[in-house]
Amino acid sequence: MACYAAGDFIGVSNFYTEDCRFMAPGSPLVPGRTAVAKGFQSWFEAGLKTIKLVEEEIGEAGGDVIYSRGEYRFYTADGKEGEAGK
């Protein structure tokens, strides 16, 4: 994701809806794009400089709610895998 690698966390957050719910690993559910930007910024500042996201499924949960399920992999500046999950 080019905007993440460039440190553009607002750009990353714009992939999410304004009323999104962000579920970062090991953290409570937090609402909104600001939370998304802060979450991605914290990973970047921790040394995880690139990310690969793989969407496996996007679907309707009912009403105007959708979900996205997939995997992520973060990499350090030297290309080593730093964290991975779903």
N, C-alpha and C. Protein backbone atom coordinates (compact mmCIF):
# COMPACT_ATOMS: atom_id res chain seq x y z
N MET A 1 0.85 -1.16 0.00
CA MET A 1 0.00 0.00 0.00
C MET A 1 0.90 1.23 0.00
N ALA A 2 0.89 1.95 -1.09
CA ALA A 2 1.81 3.07 -1.30
C ALA A 2 1.63 4.18 -0.28
N CYS A 3 0.39 4.50 0.07
CA CYS A 3 0.18 5.60 1.02
C CYS A 3 0.75 5.25 2.39
N TYR A 4 0.66 4.00 2.81
CA TYR A 4 1.24 3.59 4.09
C TYR A 4 2.76 3.73 4.05
N ALA A 5 3.39 3.20 3.01
CA ALA A 5 4.85 3.27 2.89
C ALA A 5 5.34 4.71 2.84
N ALA A 6 4.51 5.63 2.35
CA ALA A 6 4.87 7.05 2.28
C ALA A 6 4.57 7.80 3.57
N GLY A 7 4.00 7.10 4.55
CA GLY A 7 3.65 7.75 5.81
C GLY A 7 2.39 8.58 5.74
N ASP A 8 1.54 8.31 4.75
CA ASP A 8 0.28 9.05 4.57
C ASP A 8 -0.85 8.27 5.24
N PHE A 9 -1.00 8.45 6.55
CA PHE A 9 -1.96 7.67 7.31
C PHE A 9 -3.39 8.16 7.11
N ILE A 10 -3.56 9.43 6.76
CA ILE A 10 -4.89 9.93 6.38
C ILE A 10 -5.30 9.23 5.09
N GLY A 11 -4.38 9.07 4.15
CA GLY A 11 -4.65 8.35 2.92
C GLY A 11 -5.08 6.92 3.19
N VAL A 12 -4.41 6.26 4.13
CA VAL A 12 -4.80 4.89 4.51
C VAL A 12 -6.22 4.91 5.06
N SER A 13 -6.49 5.85 5.95
CA SER A 13 -7.81 5.88 6.60
C SER A 13 -8.94 6.15 5.60
N ASN A 14 -8.62 6.78 4.48
CA ASN A 14 -9.65 7.05 3.47
C ASN A 14 -10.14 5.81 2.74
N PHE A 15 -9.47 4.67 2.93
CA PHE A 15 -9.97 3.40 2.40
C PHE A 15 -11.15 2.89 3.23
N TYR A 16 -11.37 3.48 4.40
CA TYR A 16 -12.42 3.08 5.33
C TYR A 16 -13.55 4.10 5.29
N THR A 17 -14.76 3.67 5.65
CA THR A 17 -15.87 4.61 5.74
C THR A 17 -15.70 5.48 6.99
N GLU A 18 -16.35 6.65 6.98
CA GLU A 18 -16.23 7.57 8.12
C GLU A 18 -16.73 6.95 9.42
N ASP A 19 -17.71 6.06 9.33
CA ASP A 19 -18.28 5.45 10.53
C ASP A 19 -17.76 4.02 10.76
N CYS A 20 -16.56 3.74 10.28
CA CYS A 20 -15.98 2.40 10.42
C CYS A 20 -15.70 2.08 11.88
N ARG A 21 -15.47 0.81 12.13
CA ARG A 21 -15.04 0.32 13.44
C ARG A 21 -13.72 -0.40 13.20
N PHE A 22 -12.66 0.08 13.83
CA PHE A 22 -11.31 -0.43 13.60
C PHE A 22 -10.97 -1.45 14.67
N MET A 23 -10.58 -2.66 14.24
CA MET A 23 -10.27 -3.74 15.16
C MET A 23 -8.81 -4.13 15.01
N ALA A 24 -7.93 -3.39 15.66
CA ALA A 24 -6.50 -3.70 15.62
C ALA A 24 -6.21 -4.87 16.56
N PRO A 25 -5.25 -5.72 16.21
CA PRO A 25 -4.93 -6.87 17.05
C PRO A 25 -4.55 -6.44 18.48
N GLY A 26 -5.15 -7.10 19.46
CA GLY A 26 -4.82 -6.84 20.85
C GLY A 26 -5.32 -5.52 21.40
N SER A 27 -6.20 -4.85 20.67
CA SER A 27 -6.71 -3.55 21.08
C SER A 27 -8.23 -3.56 21.07
N PRO A 28 -8.84 -2.67 21.84
CA PRO A 28 -10.30 -2.58 21.80
C PRO A 28 -10.79 -2.01 20.47
N LEU A 29 -12.03 -2.30 20.17
CA LEU A 29 -12.69 -1.74 18.99
C LEU A 29 -12.79 -0.22 19.15
N VAL A 30 -12.36 0.51 18.13
CA VAL A 30 -12.44 1.98 18.18
C VAL A 30 -13.10 2.48 16.90
N PRO A 31 -13.91 3.55 17.02
CA PRO A 31 -14.63 4.04 15.85
C PRO A 31 -13.89 5.12 15.08
N GLY A 32 -14.12 5.13 13.77
CA GLY A 32 -13.74 6.25 12.92
C GLY A 32 -12.39 6.21 12.26
N ARG A 33 -12.28 7.05 11.24
CA ARG A 33 -11.05 7.13 10.44
C ARG A 33 -9.86 7.63 11.24
N THR A 34 -10.10 8.50 12.22
CA THR A 34 -8.99 8.99 13.03
C THR A 34 -8.31 7.83 13.74
N ALA A 35 -9.10 6.89 14.24
CA ALA A 35 -8.54 5.70 14.90
C ALA A 35 -7.74 4.86 13.92
N VAL A 36 -8.24 4.74 12.70
CA VAL A 36 -7.52 3.99 11.66
C VAL A 36 -6.16 4.64 11.41
N ALA A 37 -6.15 5.94 11.21
CA ALA A 37 -4.90 6.66 10.93
C ALA A 37 -3.91 6.50 12.09
N LYS A 38 -4.38 6.64 13.32
CA LYS A 38 -3.51 6.50 14.48
C LYS A 38 -2.96 5.08 14.61
N GLY A 39 -3.80 4.09 14.33
CA GLY A 39 -3.35 2.70 14.40
C GLY A 39 -2.24 2.41 13.40
N PHE A 40 -2.45 2.80 12.16
CA PHE A 40 -1.43 2.56 11.14
C PHE A 40 -0.17 3.38 11.42
N GLN A 41 -0.32 4.59 11.93
CA GLN A 41 0.84 5.41 12.27
C GLN A 41 1.66 4.75 13.38
N SER A 42 1.01 4.16 14.37
CA SER A 42 1.74 3.52 15.46
C SER A 42 2.56 2.34 14.96
N TRP A 43 2.02 1.57 14.02
CA TRP A 43 2.79 0.44 13.47
C TRP A 43 3.99 0.95 12.67
N PHE A 44 3.77 2.00 11.89
CA PHE A 44 4.85 2.58 11.10
C PHE A 44 5.96 3.08 12.01
N GLU A 45 5.59 3.80 13.06
CA GLU A 45 6.58 4.34 13.99
C GLU A 45 7.29 3.25 14.78
N ALA A 46 6.67 2.07 14.89
CA ALA A 46 7.30 0.93 15.56
C ALA A 46 8.27 0.19 14.65
N GLY A 47 8.43 0.68 13.41
CA GLY A 47 9.41 0.08 12.50
C GLY A 47 8.83 -0.79 11.41
N LEU A 48 7.52 -0.91 11.36
CA LEU A 48 6.86 -1.72 10.32
C LEU A 48 6.55 -0.81 9.15
N LYS A 49 7.44 -0.79 8.16
CA LYS A 49 7.44 0.25 7.13
C LYS A 49 6.63 -0.06 5.88
N THR A 50 6.32 -1.33 5.63
CA THR A 50 5.45 -1.67 4.49
C THR A 50 4.41 -2.68 4.95
N ILE A 51 3.32 -2.73 4.20
CA ILE A 51 2.23 -3.63 4.55
C ILE A 51 1.67 -4.27 3.29
N LYS A 52 1.25 -5.51 3.43
CA LYS A 52 0.54 -6.21 2.35
C LYS A 52 -0.80 -6.65 2.93
N LEU A 53 -1.88 -6.22 2.30
CA LEU A 53 -3.23 -6.60 2.71
C LEU A 53 -3.83 -7.50 1.64
N VAL A 54 -4.43 -8.59 2.06
CA VAL A 54 -5.09 -9.52 1.14
C VAL A 54 -6.55 -9.66 1.58
N GLU A 55 -7.45 -9.15 0.77
CA GLU A 55 -8.88 -9.28 1.05
C GLU A 55 -9.34 -10.66 0.59
N GLU A 56 -9.91 -11.43 1.51
CA GLU A 56 -10.42 -12.75 1.16
C GLU A 56 -11.92 -12.74 0.96
N GLU A 57 -12.59 -11.83 1.66
CA GLU A 57 -14.05 -11.78 1.54
C GLU A 57 -14.53 -10.39 1.96
N ILE A 58 -15.46 -9.86 1.22
CA ILE A 58 -16.16 -8.64 1.58
C ILE A 58 -17.64 -8.95 1.42
N GLY A 59 -18.42 -8.65 2.43
CA GLY A 59 -19.83 -9.01 2.35
C GLY A 59 -20.71 -8.09 3.16
N GLU A 60 -22.02 -8.30 3.03
CA GLU A 60 -23.01 -7.53 3.77
C GLU A 60 -23.31 -8.24 5.08
N ALA A 61 -23.35 -7.47 6.15
CA ALA A 61 -23.71 -8.02 7.45
C ALA A 61 -25.16 -7.70 7.80
N GLY A 62 -25.82 -6.92 6.96
CA GLY A 62 -27.21 -6.54 7.17
C GLY A 62 -27.35 -5.03 7.19
N GLY A 63 -28.45 -4.55 6.68
CA GLY A 63 -28.66 -3.11 6.63
C GLY A 63 -27.59 -2.43 5.80
N ASP A 64 -27.00 -1.39 6.35
CA ASP A 64 -25.93 -0.68 5.63
C ASP A 64 -24.55 -1.05 6.17
N VAL A 65 -24.43 -2.23 6.78
CA VAL A 65 -23.17 -2.68 7.37
C VAL A 65 -22.50 -3.70 6.45
N ILE A 66 -21.21 -3.47 6.17
CA ILE A 66 -20.42 -4.45 5.42
C ILE A 66 -19.23 -4.86 6.27
N TYR A 67 -18.61 -5.97 5.89
CA TYR A 67 -17.41 -6.42 6.59
C TYR A 67 -16.36 -6.79 5.56
N SER A 68 -15.14 -6.80 6.02
CA SER A 68 -14.00 -7.20 5.20
C SER A 68 -13.19 -8.19 6.01
N ARG A 69 -12.88 -9.34 5.41
CA ARG A 69 -12.08 -10.36 6.08
C ARG A 69 -10.87 -10.65 5.21
N GLY A 70 -9.72 -10.73 5.82
CA GLY A 70 -8.51 -11.01 5.05
C GLY A 70 -7.30 -11.18 5.94
N GLU A 71 -6.14 -11.03 5.34
CA GLU A 71 -4.87 -11.18 6.05
C GLU A 71 -4.02 -9.94 5.85
N TYR A 72 -3.11 -9.72 6.79
CA TYR A 72 -2.15 -8.63 6.65
C TYR A 72 -0.76 -9.13 6.98
N ARG A 73 0.22 -8.49 6.40
CA ARG A 73 1.63 -8.75 6.72
C ARG A 73 2.35 -7.41 6.72
N PHE A 74 3.03 -7.13 7.81
CA PHE A 74 3.88 -5.95 7.92
C PHE A 74 5.32 -6.37 7.73
N TYR A 75 6.12 -5.47 7.16
CA TYR A 75 7.54 -5.73 6.95
C TYR A 75 8.36 -4.56 7.46
N THR A 76 9.54 -4.87 7.99
CA THR A 76 10.46 -3.84 8.43
C THR A 76 11.14 -3.21 7.22
N ALA A 77 11.90 -2.15 7.45
CA ALA A 77 12.57 -1.44 6.35
C ALA A 77 13.53 -2.34 5.58
N ASP A 78 14.09 -3.35 6.25
CA ASP A 78 15.02 -4.25 5.56
C ASP A 78 14.32 -5.46 4.95
N GLY A 79 12.98 -5.45 4.91
CA GLY A 79 12.22 -6.49 4.23
C GLY A 79 11.86 -7.70 5.07
N LYS A 80 12.22 -7.71 6.34
CA LYS A 80 11.88 -8.84 7.21
C LYS A 80 10.43 -8.72 7.66
N GLU A 81 9.76 -9.88 7.73
CA GLU A 81 8.37 -9.86 8.18
C GLU A 81 8.35 -9.48 9.65
N GLY A 82 7.54 -8.48 9.98
CA GLY A 82 7.47 -8.00 11.35
C GLY A 82 6.26 -8.49 12.11
N GLU A 83 5.14 -8.61 11.43
CA GLU A 83 3.91 -9.05 12.06
C GLU A 83 2.96 -9.52 10.97
N ALA A 84 2.17 -10.53 11.29
CA ALA A 84 1.18 -11.03 10.35
C ALA A 84 -0.05 -11.47 11.13
N GLY A 85 -1.18 -11.42 10.48
CA GLY A 85 -2.40 -11.85 11.14
C GLY A 85 -3.58 -11.80 10.20
N LYS A 86 -4.77 -11.93 10.79
CA LYS A 86 -6.00 -11.90 10.00
C LYS A 86 -6.99 -10.96 10.61
